[in-house]
Amino acid sequence: MKLQAIALTIALIIGACVAPQNNPPRAQVGDGARPATSMASDVVARIPLATGEALIVRRDVIEIAAPTGRIAASNPRLVRERDPQGRCPAEGFVDAEANSTGFSIHNQLCGGWFFIDETLTFTPAASGDGYILLRLTVRRTDRREPERGPQEKTLTAKKFGEISFETLDPDALYALFE
């Protein structure tokens, strides 16, 4: 009987060690919390902000963490990916950086024949609740005529209004350049 109990205990321990781990669910935009069991291995960068918050860049989402560590906001549309077919030489997400009041996110992507350097700059909302887009700057280079150099265009909140970090879809703003 004792031998069976020992064998069962060993089997349970081995089973727990080799059992497949379920990935915890990703935090959804606006749900305000990332599970405490989330793995830190998908963190690309953690950037302290002047407000005491932190910008957390993961492979598939950018998050803003409150000073307590709670995820206050997230947006998966801000992390651009490389072209899986390799037709575009852009890097996708390049980097993010803090400035004196907010932060900027830098991406590279392609749009048709254009190679695009994209910079999204955020500032704290006047209400003190989260961040809003201050400006979108794009530098477009026509890959058929790279010697012409990049053409830079900027959109500001005067053109697109107040857009929160959580709800921003950068692709929707490109129509405003025309």
C-alpha atoms as a PDB file:
ATOM      1  CA  MET A   1       0.000   0.000   0.000  1.00  0.00           C
ATOM      2  CA  LYS A   2       2.795   2.432   0.925  1.00  0.00           C
ATOM      3  CA  LEU A   3       4.589   1.530  -2.297  1.00  0.00           C
ATOM      4  CA  GLN A   4       1.489   2.390  -4.346  1.00  0.00           C
ATOM      5  CA  ALA A   5       1.130   5.735  -2.543  1.00  0.00           C
ATOM      6  CA  ILE A   6       4.775   6.580  -3.225  1.00  0.00           C
ATOM      7  CA  ALA A   7       4.428   5.575  -6.895  1.00  0.00           C
ATOM      8  CA  LEU A   8       1.278   7.693  -7.235  1.00  0.00           C
ATOM      9  CA  THR A   9       3.002  10.694  -5.634  1.00  0.00           C
ATOM     10  CA  ILE A  10       5.983  10.346  -8.001  1.00  0.00           C
ATOM     11  CA  ALA A  11       3.656  10.039 -11.014  1.00  0.00           C
ATOM     12  CA  LEU A  12       1.805  13.198  -9.964  1.00  0.00           C
ATOM     13  CA  ILE A  13       5.050  15.127  -9.529  1.00  0.00           C
ATOM     14  CA  ILE A  14       6.389  13.978 -12.918  1.00  0.00           C
ATOM     15  CA  GLY A  15       3.047  14.735 -14.560  1.00  0.00           C
ATOM     16  CA  ALA A  16       3.037  18.256 -13.135  1.00  0.00           C
ATOM     17  CA  CYS A  17       6.577  18.866 -14.385  1.00  0.00           C
ATOM     18  CA  VAL A  18       5.976  17.745 -17.966  1.00  0.00           C
ATOM     19  CA  ALA A  19       2.350  18.831 -18.391  1.00  0.00           C
ATOM     20  CA  PRO A  20       1.932  21.473 -21.113  1.00  0.00           C
ATOM     21  CA  GLN A  21       1.601  24.977 -19.729  1.00  0.00           C
ATOM     22  CA  ASN A  22      -1.377  27.040 -20.831  1.00  0.00           C
ATOM     23  CA  ASN A  23      -0.462  30.521 -21.930  1.00  0.00           C
ATOM     24  CA  PRO A  24      -2.337  33.055 -19.827  1.00  0.00           C
ATOM     25  CA  PRO A  25      -4.799  35.189 -21.766  1.00  0.00           C
ATOM     26  CA  ARG A  26      -3.492  38.483 -23.101  1.00  0.00           C
ATOM     27  CA  ALA A  27      -4.849  41.645 -21.552  1.00  0.00           C
ATOM     28  CA  GLN A  28      -7.494  43.120 -23.807  1.00  0.00           C
ATOM     29  CA  VAL A  29      -7.728  46.804 -24.631  1.00  0.00           C
ATOM     30  CA  GLY A  30      -9.549  48.492 -21.798  1.00  0.00           C
ATOM     31  CA  ASP A  31      -9.749  45.563 -19.368  1.00  0.00           C
ATOM     32  CA  GLY A  32      -7.217  47.211 -17.065  1.00  0.00           C
ATOM     33  CA  ALA A  33      -5.331  44.149 -15.891  1.00  0.00           C
ATOM     34  CA  ARG A  34      -2.809  41.618 -17.138  1.00  0.00           C
ATOM     35  CA  PRO A  35      -2.856  38.310 -15.295  1.00  0.00           C
ATOM     36  CA  ALA A  36      -0.215  38.105 -12.571  1.00  0.00           C
ATOM     37  CA  THR A  37       0.978  34.814 -14.066  1.00  0.00           C
ATOM     38  CA  SER A  38       1.989  36.502 -17.330  1.00  0.00           C
ATOM     39  CA  MET A  39       5.488  35.663 -18.478  1.00  0.00           C
ATOM     40  CA  ALA A  40       7.959  38.543 -18.765  1.00  0.00           C
ATOM     41  CA  SER A  41       9.815  36.780 -21.598  1.00  0.00           C
ATOM     42  CA  ASP A  42       7.765  38.539 -24.287  1.00  0.00           C
ATOM     43  CA  VAL A  43       8.810  41.997 -23.014  1.00  0.00           C
ATOM     44  CA  VAL A  44      10.910  43.789 -25.629  1.00  0.00           C
ATOM     45  CA  ALA A  45      11.411  46.966 -23.591  1.00  0.00           C
ATOM     46  CA  ARG A  46      10.293  48.590 -20.349  1.00  0.00           C
ATOM     47  CA  ILE A  47      10.638  52.370 -20.480  1.00  0.00           C
ATOM     48  CA  PRO A  48      10.112  54.530 -17.381  1.00  0.00           C
ATOM     49  CA  LEU A  49       7.927  57.586 -18.047  1.00  0.00           C
ATOM     50  CA  ALA A  50       8.192  61.002 -16.344  1.00  0.00           C
ATOM     51  CA  THR A  51       4.813  60.385 -14.656  1.00  0.00           C
ATOM     52  CA  GLY A  52       6.133  57.357 -12.761  1.00  0.00           C
ATOM     53  CA  GLU A  53       4.329  55.000 -15.118  1.00  0.00           C
ATOM     54  CA  ALA A  54       6.143  52.637 -17.464  1.00  0.00           C
ATOM     55  CA  LEU A  55       5.712  51.923 -21.149  1.00  0.00           C
ATOM     56  CA  ILE A  56       5.933  48.162 -21.668  1.00  0.00           C
ATOM     57  CA  VAL A  57       6.604  46.996 -25.204  1.00  0.00           C
ATOM     58  CA  ARG A  58       5.786  43.366 -25.859  1.00  0.00           C
ATOM     59  CA  ARG A  59       6.053  41.505 -29.164  1.00  0.00           C
ATOM     60  CA  ASP A  60       2.371  42.049 -29.938  1.00  0.00           C
ATOM     61  CA  VAL A  61       1.112  44.891 -27.719  1.00  0.00           C
ATOM     62  CA  ILE A  62       2.249  48.113 -26.054  1.00  0.00           C
ATOM     63  CA  GLU A  63       1.047  48.692 -22.512  1.00  0.00           C
ATOM     64  CA  ILE A  64       1.139  51.488 -19.976  1.00  0.00           C
ATOM     65  CA  ALA A  65       1.722  50.281 -16.433  1.00  0.00           C
ATOM     66  CA  ALA A  66       0.712  52.421 -13.460  1.00  0.00           C
ATOM     67  CA  PRO A  67       3.353  52.991 -10.765  1.00  0.00           C
ATOM     68  CA  THR A  68       1.714  50.107  -8.855  1.00  0.00           C
ATOM     69  CA  GLY A  69       2.453  47.770 -11.780  1.00  0.00           C
ATOM     70  CA  ARG A  70      -1.200  47.418 -12.821  1.00  0.00           C
ATOM     71  CA  ILE A  71      -1.686  47.632 -16.597  1.00  0.00           C
ATOM     72  CA  ALA A  72      -3.710  50.822 -17.081  1.00  0.00           C
ATOM     73  CA  ALA A  73      -3.925  50.751 -20.893  1.00  0.00           C
ATOM     74  CA  SER A  74      -2.862  48.643 -23.847  1.00  0.00           C
ATOM     75  CA  ASN A  75      -2.986  48.800 -27.635  1.00  0.00           C
ATOM     76  CA  PRO A  76      -1.985  45.939 -29.966  1.00  0.00           C
ATOM     77  CA  ARG A  77      -2.307  48.125 -33.103  1.00  0.00           C
ATOM     78  CA  LEU A  78       0.813  50.143 -32.271  1.00  0.00           C
ATOM     79  CA  VAL A  79       3.312  47.304 -32.711  1.00  0.00           C
ATOM     80  CA  ARG A  80       3.941  47.010 -36.437  1.00  0.00           C
ATOM     81  CA  GLU A  81       5.197  43.673 -37.716  1.00  0.00           C
ATOM     82  CA  ARG A  82       7.693  42.806 -40.413  1.00  0.00           C
ATOM     83  CA  ASP A  83       6.265  41.654 -43.730  1.00  0.00           C
ATOM     84  CA  PRO A  84       6.000  37.849 -43.384  1.00  0.00           C
ATOM     85  CA  GLN A  85       6.441  37.405 -47.170  1.00  0.00           C
ATOM     86  CA  GLY A  86       9.626  39.496 -47.175  1.00  0.00           C
ATOM     87  CA  ARG A  87       8.427  41.876 -49.903  1.00  0.00           C
ATOM     88  CA  CYS A  88       8.961  44.869 -47.631  1.00  0.00           C
ATOM     89  CA  PRO A  89      12.407  45.674 -46.151  1.00  0.00           C
ATOM     90  CA  ALA A  90      10.866  47.506 -43.169  1.00  0.00           C
ATOM     91  CA  GLU A  91      11.652  46.404 -39.624  1.00  0.00           C
ATOM     92  CA  GLY A  92       8.145  46.784 -38.210  1.00  0.00           C
ATOM     93  CA  PHE A  93       8.413  48.051 -34.630  1.00  0.00           C
ATOM     94  CA  VAL A  94      11.726  49.889 -34.200  1.00  0.00           C
ATOM     95  CA  ASP A  95      11.720  51.446 -30.729  1.00  0.00           C
ATOM     96  CA  ALA A  96       9.945  53.587 -28.175  1.00  0.00           C
ATOM     97  CA  GLU A  97      11.298  56.416 -26.094  1.00  0.00           C
ATOM     98  CA  ALA A  98      10.180  58.617 -23.232  1.00  0.00           C
ATOM     99  CA  ASN A  99      10.339  62.392 -23.444  1.00  0.00           C
ATOM    100  CA  SER A 100       9.786  65.081 -20.803  1.00  0.00           C
ATOM    101  CA  THR A 101       5.993  64.648 -20.729  1.00  0.00           C
ATOM    102  CA  GLY A 102       5.039  61.596 -22.775  1.00  0.00           C
ATOM    103  CA  PHE A 103       6.539  59.115 -25.195  1.00  0.00           C
ATOM    104  CA  SER A 104       7.047  58.259 -28.863  1.00  0.00           C
ATOM    105  CA  ILE A 105       6.746  54.977 -30.740  1.00  0.00           C
ATOM    106  CA  HIS A 106       8.766  54.406 -33.919  1.00  0.00           C
ATOM    107  CA  ASN A 107       7.786  51.901 -36.614  1.00  0.00           C
ATOM    108  CA  GLN A 108       8.864  51.094 -40.165  1.00  0.00           C
ATOM    109  CA  LEU A 109       6.390  49.741 -42.683  1.00  0.00           C
ATOM    110  CA  CYS A 110       5.614  49.699 -46.363  1.00  0.00           C
ATOM    111  CA  GLY A 111       2.599  51.026 -48.209  1.00  0.00           C
ATOM    112  CA  GLY A 112       2.683  50.002 -51.857  1.00  0.00           C
ATOM    113  CA  TRP A 113       5.977  51.279 -53.213  1.00  0.00           C
ATOM    114  CA  PHE A 114       6.531  53.517 -50.194  1.00  0.00           C
ATOM    115  CA  PHE A 115       8.932  52.735 -47.371  1.00  0.00           C
ATOM    116  CA  ILE A 116       7.502  54.536 -44.325  1.00  0.00           C
ATOM    117  CA  ASP A 117       9.139  55.658 -41.087  1.00  0.00           C
ATOM    118  CA  GLU A 118       6.271  56.294 -38.675  1.00  0.00           C
ATOM    119  CA  THR A 119       6.502  58.177 -35.367  1.00  0.00           C
ATOM    120  CA  LEU A 120       3.531  58.353 -33.000  1.00  0.00           C
ATOM    121  CA  THR A 121       3.958  60.918 -30.205  1.00  0.00           C
ATOM    122  CA  PHE A 122       1.757  60.794 -27.108  1.00  0.00           C
ATOM    123  CA  THR A 123       1.193  63.289 -24.312  1.00  0.00           C
ATOM    124  CA  PRO A 124      -0.787  63.030 -21.073  1.00  0.00           C
ATOM    125  CA  ALA A 125      -4.496  63.808 -21.526  1.00  0.00           C
ATOM    126  CA  ALA A 126      -5.611  67.155 -20.085  1.00  0.00           C
ATOM    127  CA  SER A 127      -8.024  65.246 -17.854  1.00  0.00           C
ATOM    128  CA  GLY A 128      -5.047  63.430 -16.324  1.00  0.00           C
ATOM    129  CA  ASP A 129      -6.594  60.135 -17.378  1.00  0.00           C
ATOM    130  CA  GLY A 130      -4.213  58.334 -19.735  1.00  0.00           C
ATOM    131  CA  TYR A 131      -2.435  59.517 -22.868  1.00  0.00           C
ATOM    132  CA  ILE A 132      -3.607  60.981 -26.161  1.00  0.00           C
ATOM    133  CA  LEU A 133      -1.980  61.153 -29.569  1.00  0.00           C
ATOM    134  CA  LEU A 134      -0.221  64.486 -30.044  1.00  0.00           C
ATOM    135  CA  ARG A 135       1.065  63.897 -33.578  1.00  0.00           C
ATOM    136  CA  LEU A 136       1.745  61.317 -36.255  1.00  0.00           C
ATOM    137  CA  THR A 137       4.807  61.965 -38.403  1.00  0.00           C
ATOM    138  CA  VAL A 138       5.580  59.856 -41.458  1.00  0.00           C
ATOM    139  CA  ARG A 139       8.621  59.974 -43.718  1.00  0.00           C
ATOM    140  CA  ARG A 140       7.757  58.234 -46.971  1.00  0.00           C
ATOM    141  CA  THR A 141      10.393  57.174 -49.480  1.00  0.00           C
ATOM    142  CA  ASP A 142       9.328  55.915 -52.907  1.00  0.00           C
ATOM    143  CA  ARG A 143      11.315  52.705 -53.342  1.00  0.00           C
ATOM    144  CA  ARG A 144      11.212  53.170 -57.136  1.00  0.00           C
ATOM    145  CA  GLU A 145      12.961  56.552 -56.801  1.00  0.00           C
ATOM    146  CA  PRO A 146      14.932  56.513 -53.527  1.00  0.00           C
ATOM    147  CA  GLU A 147      17.276  59.252 -54.770  1.00  0.00           C
ATOM    148  CA  ARG A 148      14.410  61.758 -54.356  1.00  0.00           C
ATOM    149  CA  GLY A 149      14.721  61.274 -50.610  1.00  0.00           C
ATOM    150  CA  PRO A 150      11.979  61.004 -48.027  1.00  0.00           C
ATOM    151  CA  GLN A 151       8.876  63.194 -48.024  1.00  0.00           C
ATOM    152  CA  GLU A 152       7.852  64.090 -44.470  1.00  0.00           C
ATOM    153  CA  LYS A 153       4.278  64.810 -43.416  1.00  0.00           C
ATOM    154  CA  THR A 154       2.835  65.428 -39.971  1.00  0.00           C
ATOM    155  CA  LEU A 155      -0.707  65.234 -38.634  1.00  0.00           C
ATOM    156  CA  THR A 156      -1.555  66.871 -35.329  1.00  0.00           C
ATOM    157  CA  ALA A 157      -4.501  66.774 -32.945  1.00  0.00           C
ATOM    158  CA  LYS A 158      -5.856  69.879 -34.734  1.00  0.00           C
ATOM    159  CA  LYS A 159      -6.536  67.639 -37.746  1.00  0.00           C
ATOM    160  CA  PHE A 160      -7.641  64.385 -36.067  1.00  0.00           C
ATOM    161  CA  GLY A 161      -9.031  65.527 -32.710  1.00  0.00           C
ATOM    162  CA  GLU A 162      -8.403  63.810 -29.392  1.00  0.00           C
ATOM    163  CA  ILE A 163      -7.553  60.122 -29.760  1.00  0.00           C
ATOM    164  CA  SER A 164      -6.675  58.077 -26.692  1.00  0.00           C
ATOM    165  CA  PHE A 165      -3.762  55.662 -26.565  1.00  0.00           C
ATOM    166  CA  GLU A 166      -6.139  52.722 -26.120  1.00  0.00           C
ATOM    167  CA  THR A 167      -8.375  53.472 -29.110  1.00  0.00           C
ATOM    168  CA  LEU A 168      -5.792  54.656 -31.636  1.00  0.00           C
ATOM    169  CA  ASP A 169      -5.653  52.789 -34.936  1.00  0.00           C
ATOM    170  CA  PRO A 170      -2.793  54.447 -36.855  1.00  0.00           C
ATOM    171  CA  ASP A 171      -3.923  52.972 -40.185  1.00  0.00           C
ATOM    172  CA  ALA A 172      -7.178  54.946 -39.936  1.00  0.00           C
ATOM    173  CA  LEU A 173      -5.238  58.232 -39.839  1.00  0.00           C
ATOM    174  CA  TYR A 174      -3.415  57.729 -43.136  1.00  0.00           C
ATOM    175  CA  ALA A 175      -6.515  58.805 -45.087  1.00  0.00           C
ATOM    176  CA  LEU A 176      -6.162  62.254 -43.489  1.00  0.00           C
ATOM    177  CA  PHE A 177      -2.850  62.832 -45.296  1.00  0.00           C
ATOM    178  CA  GLU A 178      -4.640  63.097 -48.643  1.00  0.00           C
END
